[in-house]
Amino acid sequence: MKRVIRHPIAQIVWLGLALLAVPWLSCIAARNYTRDELVEDVRYLVDVIEDAHPDPYIRGGGKIAFHLRLYELLHAIPEKGMSRDAFIKLLRPFIAAIGDSHTEIWTSYQVNESQPGGIPFRFGVVEDLLYVLSAVSSSDKEYIGSTLVSVEGIPAEELCERQKRLVPLENDYHVLEEMSSHTLWYAPYLRDLIPEWEDEASLTIELRRPTGEVEELMFDLPVFARRLHHPETRLQVPHPPWYGFSYSFLTPPEEGASLGSGRPFAYLRVDDMTQYGELDEIAGMATSRKPYVTETFRDLAIDMSEEETETLIIDLRENGGGDSTMADILTYFLYGKDVLDKVVGHAPANGGGMIVKLSELYFTSPYNRSLEALNEGREIPWQVGDYDFTLFTGARSVPFEDLPLEEQHTYIDHRYCERTVTFCEEYESGAYEAYYKPRNVIVLVSPWTFSSGFTMARFLYLAGATLIGTPSAQAANSFCNADRWVMPNSGIDGQVNRMYYVEFPIGSDLAHTLPMHHQVTYEELAAYGFDPNAELLLALDWLRDEALDSQQEGK
């Protein structure tokens, strides 16, 4: 079945805005960089990557393969030069082949947030599927829950394979997350994915309805994306303030009232880990106007204790990261120092840990010690370009547990008191260490749980919490701690990692995908009517079923 979807009012609005923007857009389009300028930019980028990155070859076929791609990249720059967007398009596959999601281009294509130009649906991820999460037009809400079959006749499976060649990705969930977040929504990214798409005034897709019927839709583009229409939710949850984290006590919906006889559960939501006072202290600021998570998490522990809360649900579904010290602080209040040492020291205790490339770029960061300071007391001094294996027990013949206690602490001690005064005072006093941990600690995870957000999920996983949702796009074994680069001519910028973190044995499934204790299925999602809070509702029902099973066993 084929349906043509037109948005005449949106077309008129878009046309008027487009006419106003013509002079500005023409100015951008007219700026071409010469081939010499772009060759210099490429060589600068490659020098930075090879200098700073611990191993830019490991996931891309080796050093010769890396330089073959460089050779092809340089010779693909036309004699007449290129525009910025065209140059970004040329660079993307080269960066993607490194296979490190934090070594990336920051500069994006010129896009219009009001008229993104791609598919006028936002997609979610469940299992290995992309499903319609929300619609730009209220009349298209009927397609929510439908899964993507094809775009412009290209099957979804082939689109996923193409996506892997355009962006550095960590695992299969990262492929789907990138398609949802950027590629299917914005026209410039969609053109990269589907060069066969010639008529940008229209777009044809196929969706499989929840009933199994496949329907073909053709959209007139671009569509004015004023708002997104979501399905109703059975359980409204509060959004955190501007700083990205907050907690509250919620009552389960009537259908799940058997959870503790309808008693409220604690709901901690962390969407952002960049706007808290301790992070300003780490950056060397004497005071901060931002809230301190030490105070927030201490209050949460006290309130849960007073309420005798049986369940804490930690929502990390929209947590894209920041600084992982917040994960340490939360683990301390819930589980205490011994468990904190265990989760922080899990990697070195199992033959892993951190490998640091001591590059020229590394020593430009104000957060890193100088080469002279690092070499104090060393029998064999380091040189620029060396690798620091101090925090990597895989380089040692002595098992971690047999190392002297003070040496073990170099792996698991984050030197809190050298970094954050506020948490240091609590950490040293131990006044609220492991103050209160509910019987049930559940963590909600999605592919958008990334970077330090993923670290928080991993810490809680290792501490014994239950993970529910869809796995993160972040791999547990990954490169990290990036520094910024800026090309001297085009101004295109991005970042390159300088550390490699090995959490689980290399080659194991855990190394690239952290498993869920209960991974949400498409069938379950459909049973909840594709509710935006389906993972939360499933967690409550899962607890209810666990409680009922325990009651049956006790009889």
Protein backbone atom coordinates (compact mmCIF):
# COMPACT_ATOMS: atom_id res chain seq x y z
CA MET A 1 0.00 0.00 0.00
CA LYS A 2 1.38 3.43 -0.95
CA ARG A 3 0.41 6.68 0.66
CA VAL A 4 1.58 10.15 -0.38
CA ILE A 5 1.90 12.51 2.58
CA ARG A 6 1.85 16.23 1.85
CA HIS A 7 2.18 19.14 4.23
CA PRO A 8 1.05 22.21 2.23
CA ILE A 9 1.18 24.69 5.12
CA ALA A 10 4.66 23.51 6.07
CA GLN A 11 5.75 23.86 2.45
CA ILE A 12 4.61 27.51 2.31
CA VAL A 13 6.34 28.34 5.61
CA TRP A 14 9.51 26.63 4.47
CA LEU A 15 9.51 28.43 1.12
CA GLY A 16 9.25 31.83 2.81
CA LEU A 17 12.07 31.06 5.23
CA ALA A 18 14.19 29.62 2.46
CA LEU A 19 13.84 32.79 0.34
CA LEU A 20 14.96 34.91 3.30
CA ALA A 21 17.97 32.65 3.83
CA VAL A 22 19.14 32.55 0.19
CA PRO A 23 21.82 35.30 0.46
CA TRP A 24 23.31 33.77 3.63
CA LEU A 25 23.32 30.25 2.22
CA SER A 26 24.83 31.45 -1.04
CA CYS A 27 27.67 33.06 0.85
CA ILE A 28 28.48 29.78 2.60
CA ALA A 29 28.19 27.76 -0.59
CA ALA A 30 30.54 30.16 -2.42
CA ARG A 31 33.44 29.59 0.02
CA ASN A 32 35.81 27.02 -1.44
CA TYR A 33 39.09 25.98 0.11
CA THR A 34 42.02 25.32 -2.20
CA ARG A 35 43.45 21.86 -2.61
CA ASP A 36 46.71 22.97 -0.95
CA GLU A 37 44.75 24.22 2.07
CA LEU A 38 42.81 20.97 2.40
CA VAL A 39 45.90 18.79 1.91
CA GLU A 40 47.55 20.74 4.73
CA ASP A 41 44.45 20.18 6.88
CA VAL A 42 44.48 16.44 6.22
CA ARG A 43 48.16 16.10 7.02
CA TYR A 44 47.67 18.09 10.21
CA LEU A 45 44.81 15.77 11.24
CA VAL A 46 46.82 12.62 10.53
CA ASP A 47 49.80 13.96 12.48
CA VAL A 48 47.54 14.65 15.48
CA ILE A 49 45.90 11.22 15.32
CA GLU A 50 49.15 9.28 14.97
CA ASP A 51 50.81 11.36 17.68
CA ALA A 52 48.02 11.24 20.28
CA HIS A 53 45.92 8.12 19.69
CA PRO A 54 47.09 4.90 21.44
CA ASP A 55 46.31 2.75 18.38
CA PRO A 56 44.42 4.28 15.42
CA TYR A 57 45.14 1.15 13.37
CA ILE A 58 43.80 -1.68 15.54
CA ARG A 59 40.18 -1.56 14.31
CA GLY A 60 40.89 -0.52 10.73
CA GLY A 61 43.10 -3.25 9.32
CA GLY A 62 46.52 -2.04 10.51
CA LYS A 63 48.94 0.75 9.76
CA ILE A 64 49.30 0.08 6.05
CA ALA A 65 45.50 0.06 5.63
CA PHE A 66 45.36 3.38 7.52
CA HIS A 67 47.89 4.97 5.19
CA LEU A 68 46.25 3.50 2.10
CA ARG A 69 43.05 5.29 3.14
CA LEU A 70 45.11 8.45 3.69
CA TYR A 71 46.59 8.13 0.20
CA GLU A 72 43.10 7.73 -1.29
CA LEU A 73 41.78 10.65 0.76
CA LEU A 74 44.51 13.04 -0.40
CA HIS A 75 44.06 12.08 -4.04
CA ALA A 76 40.29 12.50 -3.79
CA ILE A 77 40.63 16.24 -3.14
CA PRO A 78 39.83 17.92 -6.48
CA GLU A 79 42.26 20.32 -8.07
CA LYS A 80 39.71 23.16 -7.82
CA GLY A 81 39.28 22.63 -4.07
CA MET A 82 36.11 21.96 -2.09
CA SER A 83 33.49 23.54 0.11
CA ARG A 84 33.45 22.83 3.82
CA ASP A 85 30.51 20.42 3.62
CA ALA A 86 32.07 18.55 0.70
CA PHE A 87 35.32 18.24 2.65
CA ILE A 88 33.46 16.90 5.70
CA LYS A 89 31.84 14.30 3.45
CA LEU A 90 35.28 13.24 2.23
CA LEU A 91 36.70 13.05 5.77
CA ARG A 92 33.89 11.06 7.40
CA PRO A 93 34.80 7.58 6.05
CA PHE A 94 38.48 8.11 6.92
CA ILE A 95 37.62 8.94 10.55
CA ALA A 96 34.99 6.18 10.67
CA ALA A 97 37.55 3.52 9.76
CA ILE A 98 39.50 4.23 12.97
CA GLY A 99 36.54 2.68 14.79
CA ASP A 100 36.73 4.88 17.89
CA SER A 101 33.55 6.83 18.59
CA HIS A 102 35.33 9.49 20.66
CA THR A 103 37.85 10.19 17.91
CA GLU A 104 35.51 12.15 15.71
CA ILE A 105 34.60 15.27 13.78
CA TRP A 106 32.65 17.83 15.80
CA THR A 107 31.95 20.24 12.96
CA SER A 108 28.67 19.22 11.41
CA TYR A 109 26.99 19.83 8.11
CA GLN A 110 24.98 23.00 7.72
CA VAL A 111 21.52 21.82 8.78
CA ASN A 112 18.25 23.60 9.49
CA GLU A 113 16.69 22.41 12.74
CA SER A 114 13.27 23.64 11.63
CA GLN A 115 13.44 21.80 8.30
CA PRO A 116 15.86 18.92 8.84
CA GLY A 117 15.03 17.53 5.40
CA GLY A 118 15.04 13.83 6.23
CA ILE A 119 12.35 11.38 7.28
CA PRO A 120 9.71 13.27 9.34
CA PHE A 121 9.73 10.57 12.02
CA ARG A 122 12.01 10.16 15.00
CA PHE A 123 13.08 6.55 15.45
CA GLY A 124 13.78 4.54 18.58
CA VAL A 125 15.88 1.40 18.96
CA VAL A 126 14.66 -1.97 20.21
CA GLU A 127 16.45 -5.27 19.64
CA ASP A 128 17.97 -4.89 16.15
CA LEU A 129 15.15 -2.69 14.87
CA LEU A 130 14.44 0.99 14.25
CA TYR A 131 10.84 1.81 15.14
CA VAL A 132 8.84 5.04 14.86
CA LEU A 133 9.10 6.74 18.23
CA SER A 134 7.36 10.02 17.34
CA ALA A 135 5.99 11.88 14.32
CA VAL A 136 6.33 15.46 13.12
CA SER A 137 2.68 15.55 12.03
CA SER A 138 -0.15 14.60 14.34
CA SER A 139 -1.84 12.86 11.41
CA ASP A 140 1.13 10.46 11.23
CA LYS A 141 0.87 9.30 14.85
CA GLU A 142 -0.82 6.16 13.55
CA TYR A 143 2.62 4.98 12.37
CA ILE A 144 4.18 5.07 15.83
CA GLY A 145 5.53 1.61 16.60
CA SER A 146 6.06 0.72 12.94
CA THR A 147 9.53 -0.56 12.08
CA LEU A 148 11.71 0.69 9.25
CA VAL A 149 11.87 -1.64 6.24
CA SER A 150 13.55 0.51 3.59
CA VAL A 151 14.37 4.04 2.46
CA GLU A 152 14.33 4.86 -1.26
CA GLY A 153 14.18 1.13 -1.92
CA ILE A 154 17.34 0.35 0.10
CA PRO A 155 16.64 -2.29 2.79
CA ALA A 156 17.26 -1.27 6.41
CA GLU A 157 19.92 -3.98 6.78
CA GLU A 158 21.92 -2.51 3.90
CA LEU A 159 21.52 0.98 5.35
CA CYS A 160 23.08 -0.24 8.61
CA GLU A 161 26.07 -1.64 6.73
CA ARG A 162 26.51 1.66 4.92
CA GLN A 163 26.28 3.57 8.20
CA LYS A 164 29.30 1.70 9.55
CA ARG A 165 31.43 3.22 6.79
CA LEU A 166 30.44 6.80 7.64
CA VAL A 167 30.83 7.21 11.41
CA PRO A 168 33.16 5.65 14.01
CA LEU A 169 30.92 3.20 15.87
CA GLU A 170 31.34 0.99 18.94
CA ASN A 171 28.77 -1.79 18.43
CA ASP A 172 25.55 -2.66 16.58
CA TYR A 173 23.43 -0.52 18.91
CA HIS A 174 25.63 2.45 18.10
CA VAL A 175 24.84 1.95 14.40
CA LEU A 176 21.11 2.19 15.09
CA GLU A 177 21.52 5.12 17.50
CA GLU A 178 23.51 7.12 14.94
CA MET A 179 20.90 6.48 12.25
CA SER A 180 18.16 7.61 14.61
CA SER A 181 19.95 10.68 15.98
CA HIS A 182 21.36 12.08 12.74
CA THR A 183 21.30 10.12 9.54
CA LEU A 184 17.59 9.54 8.97
CA TRP A 185 16.60 12.98 10.29
CA TYR A 186 18.94 15.39 8.49
CA ALA A 187 19.10 15.59 4.70
CA PRO A 188 22.89 16.05 4.36
CA TYR A 189 23.57 12.91 6.40
CA LEU A 190 20.85 10.99 4.58
CA ARG A 191 22.44 11.93 1.23
CA ASP A 192 25.72 10.41 2.44
CA LEU A 193 23.89 7.22 3.32
CA ILE A 194 21.81 7.07 0.14
CA PRO A 195 23.62 8.64 -2.84
CA GLU A 196 20.83 7.17 -5.01
CA TRP A 197 18.44 9.71 -3.49
CA GLU A 198 18.30 12.30 -6.25
CA ASP A 199 15.00 14.13 -5.75
CA GLU A 200 15.28 15.81 -2.35
CA ALA A 201 11.80 17.24 -2.71
CA SER A 202 10.34 13.82 -1.92
CA LEU A 203 11.30 10.67 -0.07
CA THR A 204 9.87 7.18 -0.10
CA ILE A 205 10.10 4.79 2.82
CA GLU A 206 8.57 1.46 3.79
CA LEU A 207 7.30 0.72 7.29
CA ARG A 208 6.08 -2.52 8.78
CA ARG A 209 3.05 -1.90 10.96
CA PRO A 210 2.72 -3.74 14.29
CA THR A 211 0.12 -5.90 12.53
CA GLY A 212 2.82 -7.08 10.10
CA GLU A 213 1.51 -5.17 7.09
CA VAL A 214 4.16 -3.30 5.07
CA GLU A 215 3.13 0.15 3.87
CA GLU A 216 4.96 2.49 1.50
CA LEU A 217 4.91 6.20 2.31
CA MET A 218 6.08 9.08 0.16
CA PHE A 219 6.74 12.45 1.80
CA ASP A 220 6.95 15.88 0.25
CA LEU A 221 10.05 17.51 1.74
CA PRO A 222 11.22 19.37 3.62
CA VAL A 223 8.67 19.29 6.42
CA PHE A 224 8.48 22.04 9.04
CA ALA A 225 9.49 20.24 12.27
CA ARG A 226 7.75 22.47 14.81
CA ARG A 227 7.16 19.73 17.38
CA LEU A 228 7.12 15.98 17.78
CA HIS A 229 4.04 13.94 18.62
CA HIS A 230 4.53 11.06 21.06
CA PRO A 231 2.08 8.48 22.39
CA GLU A 232 0.57 9.13 25.79
CA THR A 233 2.35 7.67 28.81
CA ARG A 234 0.80 5.82 31.74
CA LEU A 235 3.38 7.25 34.13
CA GLN A 236 4.54 10.85 34.00
CA VAL A 237 8.09 11.29 35.23
CA PRO A 238 9.74 14.61 36.11
CA HIS A 239 12.45 16.04 33.89
CA PRO A 240 15.51 17.25 35.77
CA PRO A 241 16.36 20.97 35.93
CA TRP A 242 18.98 22.62 33.71
CA TYR A 243 21.85 20.90 35.47
CA GLY A 244 20.59 17.48 34.43
CA PHE A 245 19.92 15.43 37.57
CA SER A 246 17.21 15.18 40.23
CA TYR A 247 15.24 12.66 42.26
CA SER A 248 11.65 12.27 43.39
CA PHE A 249 9.29 9.67 44.81
CA LEU A 250 6.68 8.29 42.42
CA THR A 251 3.68 6.06 42.88
CA PRO A 252 3.29 3.15 40.44
CA PRO A 253 0.26 3.32 38.14
CA GLU A 254 -2.77 1.45 39.36
CA GLU A 255 -1.95 -1.59 37.21
CA GLY A 256 1.34 -2.02 39.08
CA ALA A 257 0.03 -1.20 42.56
CA SER A 258 1.08 -4.61 43.87
CA LEU A 259 4.65 -3.26 43.93
CA GLY A 260 5.00 -2.85 47.68
CA SER A 261 1.20 -2.45 47.90
CA GLY A 262 1.40 0.72 45.87
CA ARG A 263 4.16 2.28 47.96
CA PRO A 264 6.18 4.99 46.23
CA PHE A 265 9.54 4.17 44.68
CA ALA A 266 12.55 6.46 44.43
CA TYR A 267 13.25 7.75 40.95
CA LEU A 268 16.69 9.22 40.25
CA ARG A 269 17.13 10.67 36.78
CA VAL A 270 20.55 11.65 35.46
CA ASP A 271 20.52 13.11 31.96
CA ASP A 272 23.76 15.07 32.13
CA MET A 273 27.08 14.76 33.98
CA THR A 274 28.70 18.08 33.05
CA GLN A 275 26.91 20.61 35.28
CA TYR A 276 27.77 19.84 38.90
CA GLY A 277 29.87 21.61 41.47
CA GLU A 278 32.43 18.87 42.03
CA LEU A 279 33.38 19.09 38.37
CA ASP A 280 34.18 22.78 38.77
CA GLU A 281 36.36 21.85 41.73
CA ILE A 282 38.17 19.30 39.57
CA ALA A 283 38.77 22.09 37.04
CA GLY A 284 40.41 24.15 39.80
CA MET A 285 37.57 26.56 40.58
CA ALA A 286 37.37 27.59 44.23
CA THR A 287 33.59 27.98 44.20
CA SER A 288 30.73 26.93 41.98
CA ARG A 289 27.14 28.04 41.50
CA LYS A 290 26.20 24.60 40.27
CA PRO A 291 24.54 22.07 42.58
CA TYR A 292 26.80 19.49 44.18
CA VAL A 293 25.90 15.84 43.61
CA THR A 294 27.43 14.97 46.98
CA GLU A 295 24.58 16.91 48.59
CA THR A 296 21.94 15.58 46.18
CA PHE A 297 22.90 11.93 46.61
CA ARG A 298 23.26 12.32 50.39
CA ASP A 299 19.75 13.79 50.56
CA LEU A 300 18.46 10.94 48.40
CA ALA A 301 19.97 8.36 50.74
CA ILE A 302 18.51 10.10 53.80
CA ASP A 303 15.04 10.43 52.24
CA MET A 304 15.01 6.78 51.13
CA SER A 305 15.99 5.70 54.62
CA GLU A 306 13.22 7.76 56.22
CA GLU A 307 10.66 6.41 53.74
CA GLU A 308 12.02 2.85 54.05
CA THR A 309 12.03 2.78 50.26
CA GLU A 310 12.19 -0.69 48.77
CA THR A 311 12.97 0.30 45.19
CA LEU A 312 15.28 2.82 43.56
CA ILE A 313 15.05 3.24 39.78
CA ILE A 314 17.96 5.13 38.21
CA ASP A 315 17.05 6.45 34.78
CA LEU A 316 20.09 6.84 32.50
CA ARG A 317 18.24 6.49 29.19
CA GLU A 318 19.12 10.01 28.03
CA ASN A 319 22.51 10.31 29.70
CA GLY A 320 25.09 11.17 27.04
CA GLY A 321 27.95 11.58 29.52
CA GLY A 322 30.20 14.20 31.03
CA ASP A 323 32.59 13.41 33.89
CA SER A 324 32.39 9.99 35.55
CA THR A 325 33.30 11.22 39.05
CA MET A 326 29.53 11.44 39.56
CA ALA A 327 29.37 7.64 39.14
CA ASP A 328 31.94 7.19 41.91
CA ILE A 329 29.99 9.45 44.26
CA LEU A 330 26.68 7.64 43.66
CA THR A 331 28.33 4.25 44.18
CA TYR A 332 29.81 5.47 47.48
CA PHE A 333 26.44 6.55 48.91
CA LEU A 334 24.62 3.40 47.81
CA TYR A 335 27.25 0.70 48.29
CA GLY A 336 30.20 2.13 50.27
CA LYS A 337 33.95 2.33 49.85
CA ASP A 338 34.63 -1.39 49.55
CA VAL A 339 32.25 -1.79 46.62
CA LEU A 340 33.51 1.47 45.12
CA ASP A 341 37.05 0.07 45.25
CA LYS A 342 35.76 -3.12 43.66
CA VAL A 343 34.06 -1.46 40.69
CA VAL A 344 36.83 1.09 40.10
CA GLY A 345 39.45 -1.63 40.45
CA HIS A 346 37.54 -4.26 38.48
CA ALA A 347 39.60 -3.78 35.31
CA PRO A 348 43.09 -3.95 36.86
CA ALA A 349 41.99 -6.82 39.09
CA ASN A 350 41.18 -8.77 35.94
CA GLY A 351 44.26 -7.99 33.88
CA GLY A 352 42.99 -4.77 32.33
CA GLY A 353 43.09 -1.09 33.10
CA MET A 354 44.27 2.09 31.42
CA ILE A 355 46.92 2.51 28.74
CA VAL A 356 48.05 6.12 28.25
CA LYS A 357 49.82 7.55 25.18
CA LEU A 358 52.29 10.22 26.35
CA SER A 359 52.04 12.37 23.24
CA GLU A 360 52.86 16.01 22.64
CA LEU A 361 49.13 16.72 22.72
CA TYR A 362 48.83 14.96 26.08
CA PHE A 363 51.25 17.39 27.69
CA THR A 364 49.38 20.44 26.41
CA SER A 365 46.43 19.66 28.72
CA PRO A 366 46.44 21.61 32.01
CA TYR A 367 44.90 18.56 33.73
CA ASN A 368 47.93 16.35 32.99
CA ARG A 369 51.26 16.38 34.83
CA SER A 370 54.33 17.49 32.91
CA LEU A 371 56.88 15.03 31.57
CA GLU A 372 59.37 16.25 34.17
CA ALA A 373 56.88 15.65 36.99
CA LEU A 374 56.05 12.17 35.68
CA ASN A 375 59.74 11.26 35.53
CA GLU A 376 60.49 12.22 39.14
CA GLY A 377 62.00 9.16 40.84
CA ARG A 378 61.73 6.96 37.75
CA GLU A 379 64.67 4.64 37.09
CA ILE A 380 64.08 4.77 33.34
CA PRO A 381 62.56 8.12 32.38
CA TRP A 382 59.74 8.37 29.88
CA GLN A 383 60.05 10.19 26.57
CA VAL A 384 57.33 11.89 24.53
CA GLY A 385 55.62 9.18 22.49
CA ASP A 386 56.01 6.45 25.12
CA TYR A 387 53.10 4.45 26.55
CA ASP A 388 52.33 4.53 30.26
CA PHE A 389 51.31 1.02 31.40
CA THR A 390 51.31 1.90 35.11
CA LEU A 391 47.51 1.60 35.27
CA PHE A 392 47.38 -1.54 33.11
CA THR A 393 47.91 -4.78 35.02
CA GLY A 394 47.89 -6.79 31.79
CA ALA A 395 51.50 -5.65 31.39
CA ARG A 396 52.52 -7.27 34.68
CA SER A 397 53.46 -10.83 35.49
CA VAL A 398 52.38 -10.47 39.14
CA PRO A 399 48.62 -10.95 39.75
CA PHE A 400 46.82 -7.87 40.97
CA GLU A 401 45.87 -9.36 44.31
CA ASP A 402 49.54 -10.21 44.99
CA LEU A 403 50.73 -6.63 44.53
CA PRO A 404 51.57 -4.60 47.66
CA LEU A 405 48.47 -2.95 49.07
CA GLU A 406 49.79 0.57 48.42
CA GLU A 407 50.41 -0.36 44.78
CA GLN A 408 46.88 -1.74 44.42
CA HIS A 409 45.56 1.61 45.61
CA THR A 410 47.31 3.41 42.73
CA TYR A 411 44.79 1.63 40.51
CA ILE A 412 41.63 2.10 42.53
CA ASP A 413 42.27 5.41 44.33
CA HIS A 414 40.88 8.29 42.27
CA ARG A 415 42.59 10.78 44.63
CA TYR A 416 39.22 12.33 45.48
CA CYS A 417 40.81 14.70 47.94
CA GLU A 418 43.14 16.09 45.27
CA ARG A 419 40.20 16.71 42.98
CA THR A 420 37.04 17.69 44.86
CA VAL A 421 36.93 19.23 48.32
CA THR A 422 33.19 18.70 48.72
CA PHE A 423 33.21 14.94 48.18
CA CYS A 424 36.56 14.61 49.97
CA GLU A 425 35.02 15.80 53.23
CA GLU A 426 32.28 13.18 52.99
CA TYR A 427 34.63 10.44 51.75
CA GLU A 428 37.11 10.96 54.61
CA SER A 429 34.41 11.17 57.29
CA GLY A 430 32.46 8.19 55.97
CA ALA A 431 29.39 9.71 57.65
CA TYR A 432 26.97 8.60 54.93
CA GLU A 433 28.95 5.77 53.39
CA ALA A 434 26.52 3.08 52.15
CA TYR A 435 23.91 4.96 54.15
CA TYR A 436 20.90 3.31 52.56
CA LYS A 437 20.48 0.91 49.66
CA PRO A 438 16.96 -0.23 48.81
CA ARG A 439 16.35 -3.90 48.28
CA ASN A 440 15.84 -3.26 44.55
CA VAL A 441 18.18 -1.04 42.56
CA ILE A 442 17.22 -0.91 38.90
CA VAL A 443 19.03 1.01 36.16
CA LEU A 444 17.25 1.99 32.94
CA VAL A 445 19.58 1.97 29.94
CA SER A 446 19.24 2.85 26.26
CA PRO A 447 21.64 3.18 23.30
CA TRP A 448 21.81 6.88 24.24
CA THR A 449 23.39 5.96 27.60
CA PHE A 450 26.89 6.88 26.55
CA SER A 451 30.41 7.82 27.66
CA SER A 452 30.38 8.70 31.38
CA GLY A 453 26.67 7.85 31.45
CA PHE A 454 27.71 4.37 30.38
CA THR A 455 30.40 4.36 33.09
CA MET A 456 27.71 5.00 35.70
CA ALA A 457 25.65 2.11 34.32
CA ARG A 458 28.76 -0.12 34.31
CA PHE A 459 29.63 0.76 37.90
CA LEU A 460 26.11 -0.04 39.05
CA TYR A 461 26.12 -3.27 37.00
CA LEU A 462 29.35 -4.39 38.71
CA ALA A 463 27.93 -3.34 42.11
CA GLY A 464 24.96 -5.68 41.63
CA ALA A 465 22.17 -3.45 40.30
CA THR A 466 19.69 -4.78 37.73
CA LEU A 467 19.92 -3.30 34.21
CA ILE A 468 16.74 -3.06 32.14
CA GLY A 469 16.34 -1.62 28.64
CA THR A 470 18.35 -1.76 25.42
CA PRO A 471 22.17 -1.98 25.54
CA SER A 472 24.29 1.13 25.30
CA ALA A 473 25.98 2.22 22.09
CA GLN A 474 29.18 2.46 24.16
CA ALA A 475 31.63 -0.45 24.31
CA ALA A 476 33.11 -1.30 27.71
CA ASN A 477 36.60 -1.63 26.20
CA SER A 478 37.09 1.68 24.46
CA PHE A 479 39.37 4.60 23.84
CA CYS A 480 38.74 7.61 26.05
CA ASN A 481 39.93 10.97 27.46
CA ALA A 482 39.93 13.02 24.30
CA ASP A 483 41.69 16.25 23.35
CA ARG A 484 40.43 18.74 20.80
CA TRP A 485 41.94 19.38 17.37
CA VAL A 486 41.20 22.20 14.93
CA MET A 487 42.25 22.15 11.28
CA PRO A 488 44.33 25.27 10.51
CA ASN A 489 42.59 26.28 7.27
CA SER A 490 38.98 25.01 7.16
CA GLY A 491 38.49 25.37 10.91
CA ILE A 492 36.84 21.95 11.06
CA ASP A 493 37.30 20.61 14.57
CA GLY A 494 36.93 17.40 16.49
CA GLN A 495 38.67 15.31 19.12
CA VAL A 496 41.16 12.46 19.40
CA ASN A 497 41.51 10.02 22.29
CA ARG A 498 44.74 9.51 24.20
CA MET A 499 43.88 6.52 26.40
CA TYR A 500 42.69 2.96 25.92
CA TYR A 501 40.61 1.41 28.68
CA VAL A 502 40.32 -2.37 28.95
CA GLU A 503 37.48 -3.29 31.33
CA PHE A 504 36.76 -6.87 30.22
CA PRO A 505 38.92 -9.50 28.47
CA ILE A 506 39.71 -8.43 24.91
CA GLY A 507 37.58 -10.38 22.45
CA SER A 508 34.82 -11.22 24.94
CA ASP A 509 31.19 -10.24 24.35
CA LEU A 510 31.34 -7.99 27.40
CA ALA A 511 34.15 -6.01 25.79
CA HIS A 512 31.86 -4.43 23.20
CA THR A 513 28.31 -4.75 24.59
CA LEU A 514 27.26 -4.51 28.23
CA PRO A 515 24.30 -6.91 28.56
CA MET A 516 20.96 -6.12 30.14
CA HIS A 517 19.55 -8.34 32.85
CA HIS A 518 16.28 -7.82 31.01
CA GLN A 519 16.50 -6.54 27.45
CA VAL A 520 13.28 -4.99 26.21
CA THR A 521 11.78 -6.76 23.20
CA TYR A 522 9.66 -5.31 20.42
CA GLU A 523 6.76 -7.49 21.59
CA GLU A 524 6.99 -6.01 25.09
CA LEU A 525 7.22 -2.51 23.71
CA ALA A 526 4.07 -3.11 21.68
CA ALA A 527 2.29 -4.51 24.75
CA TYR A 528 2.90 -1.16 26.48
CA GLY A 529 1.54 0.71 23.47
CA PHE A 530 5.02 2.08 22.64
CA ASP A 531 4.78 4.18 25.78
CA PRO A 532 7.77 6.58 26.08
CA ASN A 533 8.30 5.13 29.57
CA ALA A 534 7.86 1.50 28.59
CA GLU A 535 11.19 0.53 30.20
CA LEU A 536 10.09 2.02 33.50
CA LEU A 537 6.70 0.33 33.36
CA LEU A 538 8.36 -2.96 32.49
CA ALA A 539 10.70 -2.58 35.46
CA LEU A 540 7.75 -2.06 37.80
CA ASP A 541 5.90 -5.06 36.36
CA TRP A 542 9.06 -7.14 36.56
CA LEU A 543 9.37 -6.30 40.25
CA ARG A 544 5.69 -7.14 40.77
CA ASP A 545 6.19 -10.54 39.13
CA GLU A 546 9.32 -11.16 41.19
CA ALA A 547 7.38 -10.34 44.36
CA LEU A 548 4.53 -12.66 43.35
CA ASP A 549 6.97 -15.47 42.60
CA SER A 550 8.58 -15.01 46.01
CA GLN A 551 5.17 -15.14 47.67
CA GLN A 552 4.32 -18.36 45.84
CA GLU A 553 7.64 -19.92 46.84
CA GLY A 554 7.02 -18.92 50.47
CA LYS A 555 3.69 -20.74 50.63
